[in-house]
PDB file of N, CA and C in Angstrom:
ATOM      1  N   MET A   1      39.641 -82.305 -43.606  1.00  0.00           N
ATOM      2  CA  MET A   1      40.761 -82.232 -42.685  1.00  0.00           C
ATOM      3  C   MET A   1      41.921 -81.463 -43.327  1.00  0.00           C
ATOM      4  N   LYS A   2      42.069 -81.636 -44.649  1.00  0.00           N
ATOM      5  CA  LYS A   2      43.159 -80.955 -45.337  1.00  0.00           C
ATOM      6  C   LYS A   2      42.986 -79.434 -45.262  1.00  0.00           C
ATOM      7  N   LYS A   3      41.744 -78.997 -45.391  1.00  0.00           N
ATOM      8  CA  LYS A   3      41.458 -77.565 -45.342  1.00  0.00           C
ATOM      9  C   LYS A   3      41.786 -76.996 -43.958  1.00  0.00           C
ATOM     10  N   LEU A   4      41.472 -77.758 -42.905  1.00  0.00           N
ATOM     11  CA  LEU A   4      41.765 -77.326 -41.541  1.00  0.00           C
ATOM     12  C   LEU A   4      43.271 -77.199 -41.318  1.00  0.00           C
ATOM     13  N   LYS A   5      44.029 -78.136 -41.869  1.00  0.00           N
ATOM     14  CA  LYS A   5      45.486 -78.079 -41.746  1.00  0.00           C
ATOM     15  C   LYS A   5      46.051 -76.862 -42.482  1.00  0.00           C
ATOM     16  N   GLN A   6      45.498 -76.570 -43.653  1.00  0.00           N
ATOM     17  CA  GLN A   6      45.960 -75.413 -44.416  1.00  0.00           C
ATOM     18  C   GLN A   6      45.653 -74.111 -43.691  1.00  0.00           C
ATOM     19  N   ILE A   7      44.474 -74.021 -43.114  1.00  0.00           N
ATOM     20  CA  ILE A   7      44.105 -72.817 -42.368  1.00  0.00           C
ATOM     21  C   ILE A   7      44.996 -72.648 -41.158  1.00  0.00           C
ATOM     22  N   ALA A   8      45.241 -73.741 -40.426  1.00  0.00           N
ATOM     23  CA  ALA A   8      46.127 -73.679 -39.252  1.00  0.00           C
ATOM     24  C   ALA A   8      47.540 -73.281 -39.655  1.00  0.00           C
ATOM     25  N   ALA A   9      48.002 -73.790 -40.786  1.00  0.00           N
ATOM     26  CA  ALA A   9      49.348 -73.447 -41.245  1.00  0.00           C
ATOM     27  C   ALA A   9      49.452 -71.964 -41.604  1.00  0.00           C
ATOM     28  N   TRP A  10      48.460 -71.433 -42.306  1.00  0.00           N
ATOM     29  CA  TRP A  10      48.496 -70.015 -42.678  1.00  0.00           C
ATOM     30  C   TRP A  10      48.392 -69.105 -41.453  1.00  0.00           C
ATOM     31  N   ILE A  11      47.540 -69.467 -40.523  1.00  0.00           N
ATOM     32  CA  ILE A  11      47.442 -68.677 -39.294  1.00  0.00           C
ATOM     33  C   ILE A  11      48.770 -68.721 -38.560  1.00  0.00           C
ATOM     34  N   GLY A  12      49.388 -69.882 -38.521  1.00  0.00           N
ATOM     35  CA  GLY A  12      50.690 -70.015 -37.875  1.00  0.00           C
ATOM     36  C   GLY A  12      51.758 -69.157 -38.527  1.00  0.00           C
ATOM     37  N   ILE A  13      51.777 -69.143 -39.843  1.00  0.00           N
ATOM     38  CA  ILE A  13      52.753 -68.320 -40.565  1.00  0.00           C
ATOM     39  C   ILE A  13      52.563 -66.853 -40.241  1.00  0.00           C
ATOM     40  N   ILE A  14      51.323 -66.407 -40.239  1.00  0.00           N
ATOM     41  CA  ILE A  14      51.038 -64.994 -39.967  1.00  0.00           C
ATOM     42  C   ILE A  14      51.409 -64.628 -38.531  1.00  0.00           C
ATOM     43  N   VAL A  15      51.034 -65.475 -37.583  1.00  0.00           N
ATOM     44  CA  VAL A  15      51.320 -65.190 -36.167  1.00  0.00           C
ATOM     45  C   VAL A  15      52.826 -65.193 -35.904  1.00  0.00           C
ATOM     46  N   ILE A  16      53.521 -66.189 -36.417  1.00  0.00           N
ATOM     47  CA  ILE A  16      54.964 -66.282 -36.180  1.00  0.00           C
ATOM     48  C   ILE A  16      55.691 -65.118 -36.847  1.00  0.00           C
ATOM     49  N   THR A  17      55.281 -64.748 -38.049  1.00  0.00           N
ATOM     50  CA  THR A  17      55.902 -63.606 -38.717  1.00  0.00           C
ATOM     51  C   THR A  17      55.701 -62.330 -37.907  1.00  0.00           C
ATOM     52  N   GLY A  18      54.499 -62.133 -37.399  1.00  0.00           N
ATOM     53  CA  GLY A  18      54.233 -60.961 -36.562  1.00  0.00           C
ATOM     54  C   GLY A  18      55.065 -60.954 -35.291  1.00  0.00           C
ATOM     55  N   LEU A  19      55.200 -62.119 -34.672  1.00  0.00           N
ATOM     56  CA  LEU A  19      56.007 -62.206 -33.451  1.00  0.00           C
ATOM     57  C   LEU A  19      57.487 -61.942 -33.724  1.00  0.00           C
ATOM     58  N   VAL A  20      57.986 -62.458 -34.834  1.00  0.00           N
ATOM     59  CA  VAL A  20      59.395 -62.223 -35.181  1.00  0.00           C
ATOM     60  C   VAL A  20      59.639 -60.747 -35.450  1.00  0.00           C
ATOM     61  N   ILE A  21      58.738 -60.107 -36.166  1.00  0.00           N
ATOM     62  CA  ILE A  21      58.884 -58.669 -36.445  1.00  0.00           C
ATOM     63  C   ILE A  21      58.811 -57.861 -35.147  1.00  0.00           C
ATOM     64  N   ALA A  22      57.860 -58.210 -34.269  1.00  0.00           N
ATOM     65  CA  ALA A  22      57.738 -57.508 -32.991  1.00  0.00           C
ATOM     66  C   ALA A  22      58.982 -57.712 -32.131  1.00  0.00           C
ATOM     67  N   THR A  23      59.517 -58.925 -32.126  1.00  0.00           N
ATOM     68  CA  THR A  23      60.734 -59.193 -31.360  1.00  0.00           C
ATOM     69  C   THR A  23      61.902 -58.392 -31.901  1.00  0.00           C
ATOM     70  N   PHE A  24      62.010 -58.318 -33.214  1.00  0.00           N
ATOM     71  CA  PHE A  24      63.080 -57.560 -33.846  1.00  0.00           C
ATOM     72  C   PHE A  24      62.984 -56.076 -33.496  1.00  0.00           C
ATOM     73  N   VAL A  25      61.784 -55.528 -33.573  1.00  0.00           N
ATOM     74  CA  VAL A  25      61.581 -54.106 -33.259  1.00  0.00           C
ATOM     75  C   VAL A  25      61.890 -53.837 -31.786  1.00  0.00           C
ATOM     76  N   LEU A  26      61.423 -54.716 -30.895  1.00  0.00           N
ATOM     77  CA  LEU A  26      61.702 -54.539 -29.467  1.00  0.00           C
ATOM     78  C   LEU A  26      63.188 -54.691 -29.175  1.00  0.00           C
ATOM     79  N   GLY A  27      63.853 -55.597 -29.880  1.00  0.00           N
ATOM     80  CA  GLY A  27      65.285 -55.784 -29.692  1.00  0.00           C
ATOM     81  C   GLY A  27      66.080 -54.563 -30.112  1.00  0.00           C
ATOM     82  N   ILE A  28      65.694 -53.960 -31.218  1.00  0.00           N
ATOM     83  CA  ILE A  28      66.386 -52.748 -31.679  1.00  0.00           C
ATOM     84  C   ILE A  28      66.145 -51.613 -30.698  1.00  0.00           C
ATOM     85  N   GLY A  29      64.926 -51.535 -30.174  1.00  0.00           N
ATOM     86  CA  GLY A  29      64.587 -50.470 -29.232  1.00  0.00           C
ATOM     87  C   GLY A  29      65.172 -50.680 -27.844  1.00  0.00           C
ATOM     88  N   GLY A  30      65.721 -51.838 -27.577  1.00  0.00           N
ATOM     89  CA  GLY A  30      66.322 -52.102 -26.279  1.00  0.00           C
ATOM     90  C   GLY A  30      65.305 -52.333 -25.177  1.00  0.00           C
ATOM     91  N   SER A  31      64.152 -52.852 -25.527  1.00  0.00           N
ATOM     92  CA  SER A  31      63.098 -53.081 -24.550  1.00  0.00           C
ATOM     93  C   SER A  31      63.401 -54.295 -23.680  1.00  0.00           C
ATOM     94  N   ALA A  32      62.844 -54.283 -22.484  1.00  0.00           N
ATOM     95  CA  ALA A  32      62.999 -55.421 -21.573  1.00  0.00           C
ATOM     96  C   ALA A  32      62.106 -56.586 -21.994  1.00  0.00           C
ATOM     97  N   LEU A  33      61.237 -56.361 -22.942  1.00  0.00           N
ATOM     98  CA  LEU A  33      60.320 -57.408 -23.395  1.00  0.00           C
ATOM     99  C   LEU A  33      60.892 -58.272 -24.517  1.00  0.00           C
ATOM    100  N   THR A  34      62.141 -58.063 -24.882  1.00  0.00           N
ATOM    101  CA  THR A  34      62.733 -58.816 -25.981  1.00  0.00           C
ATOM    102  C   THR A  34      62.825 -60.304 -25.665  1.00  0.00           C
ATOM    103  N   VAL A  35      63.339 -60.642 -24.501  1.00  0.00           N
ATOM    104  CA  VAL A  35      63.490 -62.057 -24.134  1.00  0.00           C
ATOM    105  C   VAL A  35      62.125 -62.734 -23.981  1.00  0.00           C
ATOM    106  N   PRO A  36      61.152 -62.127 -23.305  1.00  0.00           N
ATOM    107  CA  PRO A  36      59.830 -62.772 -23.266  1.00  0.00           C
ATOM    108  C   PRO A  36      59.216 -62.954 -24.658  1.00  0.00           C
ATOM    109  N   MET A  37      59.450 -62.020 -25.555  1.00  0.00           N
ATOM    110  CA  MET A  37      58.939 -62.171 -26.919  1.00  0.00           C
ATOM    111  C   MET A  37      59.618 -63.332 -27.635  1.00  0.00           C
ATOM    112  N   LEU A  38      60.912 -63.525 -27.405  1.00  0.00           N
ATOM    113  CA  LEU A  38      61.602 -64.669 -27.986  1.00  0.00           C
ATOM    114  C   LEU A  38      61.015 -65.978 -27.465  1.00  0.00           C
ATOM    115  N   ILE A  39      60.764 -66.030 -26.176  1.00  0.00           N
ATOM    116  CA  ILE A  39      60.166 -67.224 -25.572  1.00  0.00           C
ATOM    117  C   ILE A  39      58.762 -67.456 -26.128  1.00  0.00           C
ATOM    118  N   LEU A  40      57.991 -66.396 -26.264  1.00  0.00           N
ATOM    119  CA  LEU A  40      56.643 -66.508 -26.818  1.00  0.00           C
ATOM    120  C   LEU A  40      56.690 -67.001 -28.263  1.00  0.00           C
ATOM    121  N   THR A  41      57.631 -66.497 -29.045  1.00  0.00           N
ATOM    122  CA  THR A  41      57.773 -66.931 -30.431  1.00  0.00           C
ATOM    123  C   THR A  41      58.074 -68.422 -30.502  1.00  0.00           C
ATOM    124  N   MET A  42      58.981 -68.885 -29.661  1.00  0.00           N
ATOM    125  CA  MET A  42      59.303 -70.314 -29.637  1.00  0.00           C
ATOM    126  C   MET A  42      58.104 -71.132 -29.164  1.00  0.00           C
ATOM    127  N   GLY A  43      57.402 -70.648 -28.150  1.00  0.00           N
ATOM    128  CA  GLY A  43      56.247 -71.368 -27.628  1.00  0.00           C
ATOM    129  C   GLY A  43      55.135 -71.501 -28.652  1.00  0.00           C
ATOM    130  N   VAL A  44      54.866 -70.436 -29.371  1.00  0.00           N
ATOM    131  CA  VAL A  44      53.822 -70.474 -30.397  1.00  0.00           C
ATOM    132  C   VAL A  44      54.235 -71.416 -31.524  1.00  0.00           C
ATOM    133  N   SER A  45      55.493 -71.370 -31.910  1.00  0.00           N
ATOM    134  CA  SER A  45      55.974 -72.254 -32.975  1.00  0.00           C
ATOM    135  C   SER A  45      55.817 -73.713 -32.579  1.00  0.00           C
ATOM    136  N   ILE A  46      56.203 -74.039 -31.365  1.00  0.00           N
ATOM    137  CA  ILE A  46      56.082 -75.416 -30.885  1.00  0.00           C
ATOM    138  C   ILE A  46      54.614 -75.816 -30.761  1.00  0.00           C
ATOM    139  N   SER A  47      53.779 -74.903 -30.299  1.00  0.00           N
ATOM    140  CA  SER A  47      52.345 -75.203 -30.160  1.00  0.00           C
ATOM    141  C   SER A  47      51.704 -75.489 -31.510  1.00  0.00           C
ATOM    142  N   ILE A  48      52.053 -74.727 -32.515  1.00  0.00           N
ATOM    143  CA  ILE A  48      51.495 -74.947 -33.848  1.00  0.00           C
ATOM    144  C   ILE A  48      51.994 -76.273 -34.410  1.00  0.00           C
ATOM    145  N   TRP A  49      53.274 -76.586 -34.174  1.00  0.00           N
ATOM    146  CA  TRP A  49      53.806 -77.864 -34.631  1.00  0.00           C
ATOM    147  C   TRP A  49      53.051 -79.022 -33.977  1.00  0.00           C
ATOM    148  N   VAL A  50      52.790 -78.914 -32.672  1.00  0.00           N
ATOM    149  CA  VAL A  50      52.060 -79.961 -31.956  1.00  0.00           C
ATOM    150  C   VAL A  50      50.635 -80.076 -32.501  1.00  0.00           C
ATOM    151  N   LEU A  51      49.990 -78.961 -32.777  1.00  0.00           N
ATOM    152  CA  LEU A  51      48.637 -78.979 -33.333  1.00  0.00           C
ATOM    153  C   LEU A  51      48.613 -79.697 -34.673  1.00  0.00           C
ATOM    154  N   LEU A  52      49.535 -79.368 -35.563  1.00  0.00           N
ATOM    155  CA  LEU A  52      49.573 -80.015 -36.870  1.00  0.00           C
ATOM    156  C   LEU A  52      49.913 -81.495 -36.744  1.00  0.00           C
ATOM    157  N   TRP A  53      50.774 -81.851 -35.811  1.00  0.00           N
ATOM    158  CA  TRP A  53      51.113 -83.249 -35.554  1.00  0.00           C
ATOM    159  C   TRP A  53      49.873 -84.008 -35.071  1.00  0.00           C
ATOM    160  N   PHE A  54      49.121 -83.381 -34.154  1.00  0.00           N
ATOM    161  CA  PHE A  54      47.904 -83.996 -33.627  1.00  0.00           C
ATOM    162  C   PHE A  54      46.866 -84.181 -34.730  1.00  0.00           C
ATOM    163  N   LEU A  55      46.730 -83.196 -35.596  1.00  0.00           N
ATOM    164  CA  LEU A  55      45.789 -83.324 -36.710  1.00  0.00           C
ATOM    165  C   LEU A  55      46.203 -84.457 -37.646  1.00  0.00           C
ATOM    166  N   ARG A  56      47.500 -84.629 -37.846  1.00  0.00           N
ATOM    167  CA  ARG A  56      47.990 -85.724 -38.676  1.00  0.00           C
ATOM    168  C   ARG A  56      47.639 -87.076 -38.039  1.00  0.00           C
ATOM    169  N   LEU A  57      47.763 -87.166 -36.708  1.00  0.00           N
ATOM    170  CA  LEU A  57      47.395 -88.402 -36.019  1.00  0.00           C
ATOM    171  C   LEU A  57      45.902 -88.695 -36.158  1.00  0.00           C
ATOM    172  N   LEU A  58      45.084 -87.661 -36.012  1.00  0.00           N
ATOM    173  CA  LEU A  58      43.640 -87.849 -36.161  1.00  0.00           C
ATOM    174  C   LEU A  58      43.281 -88.290 -37.577  1.00  0.00           C
ATOM    175  N   GLU A  59      43.986 -87.751 -38.546  1.00  0.00           N
ATOM    176  CA  GLU A  59      43.731 -88.113 -39.934  1.00  0.00           C
ATOM    177  C   GLU A  59      44.069 -89.590 -40.169  1.00  0.00           C
ATOM    178  N   LYS A  60      45.170 -90.055 -39.601  1.00  0.00           N
ATOM    179  CA  LYS A  60      45.544 -91.452 -39.763  1.00  0.00           C
ATOM    180  C   LYS A  60      44.530 -92.367 -39.083  1.00  0.00           C
ATOM    181  N   LYS A  61      44.028 -91.966 -37.911  1.00  0.00           N
ATOM    182  CA  LYS A  61      43.027 -92.780 -37.211  1.00  0.00           C
ATOM    183  C   LYS A  61      41.740 -92.869 -38.015  1.00  0.00           C
ATOM    184  N   SER A  62      41.330 -91.773 -38.618  1.00  0.00           N
ATOM    185  CA  SER A  62      40.097 -91.786 -39.404  1.00  0.00           C
ATOM    186  C   SER A  62      40.271 -92.632 -40.660  1.00  0.00           C
ATOM    187  N   GLU A  63      41.467 -92.639 -41.239  1.00  0.00           N
ATOM    188  CA  GLU A  63      41.723 -93.490 -42.412  1.00  0.00           C
ATOM    189  C   GLU A  63      41.689 -94.955 -42.018  1.00  0.00           C
ATOM    190  N   ASP A  64      42.227 -95.286 -40.832  1.00  0.00           N
ATOM    191  CA  ASP A  64      42.224 -96.669 -40.359  1.00  0.00           C
ATOM    192  C   ASP A  64      40.796 -97.160 -40.111  1.00  0.00           C
ATOM    193  N   ARG A  65      39.946 -96.291 -39.602  1.00  0.00           N
ATOM    194  CA  ARG A  65      38.550 -96.672 -39.331  1.00  0.00           C
ATOM    195  C   ARG A  65      37.775 -96.886 -40.621  1.00  0.00           C
ATOM    196  N   ASP A  66      38.112 -96.106 -41.643  1.00  0.00           N
ATOM    197  CA  ASP A  66      37.385 -96.211 -42.915  1.00  0.00           C
ATOM    198  C   ASP A  66      37.700 -97.504 -43.656  1.00  0.00           C
ATOM    199  N   GLN A  67      38.832 -98.086 -43.429  1.00  0.00           N
ATOM    200  CA  GLN A  67      39.239 -99.286 -44.177  1.00  0.00           C
ATOM    201  C   GLN A  67      38.745-100.540 -43.567  1.00  0.00           C
TER     202      GLN A  67
END
């Protein structure tokens, strides 16, 4: 489970970094897609947080069953 959390965290870092860079470039260029990119960046960040939270809950349940 720890390995899955680490992989999800690294994928999240890469995706969020790419979205922030894309938003910055679109913002400098004056594109109409800047605001949707900001919303997408926030949505992905929240989704990854929820995924990691859910994995933490599953880990606690599996520990409770083992004891």
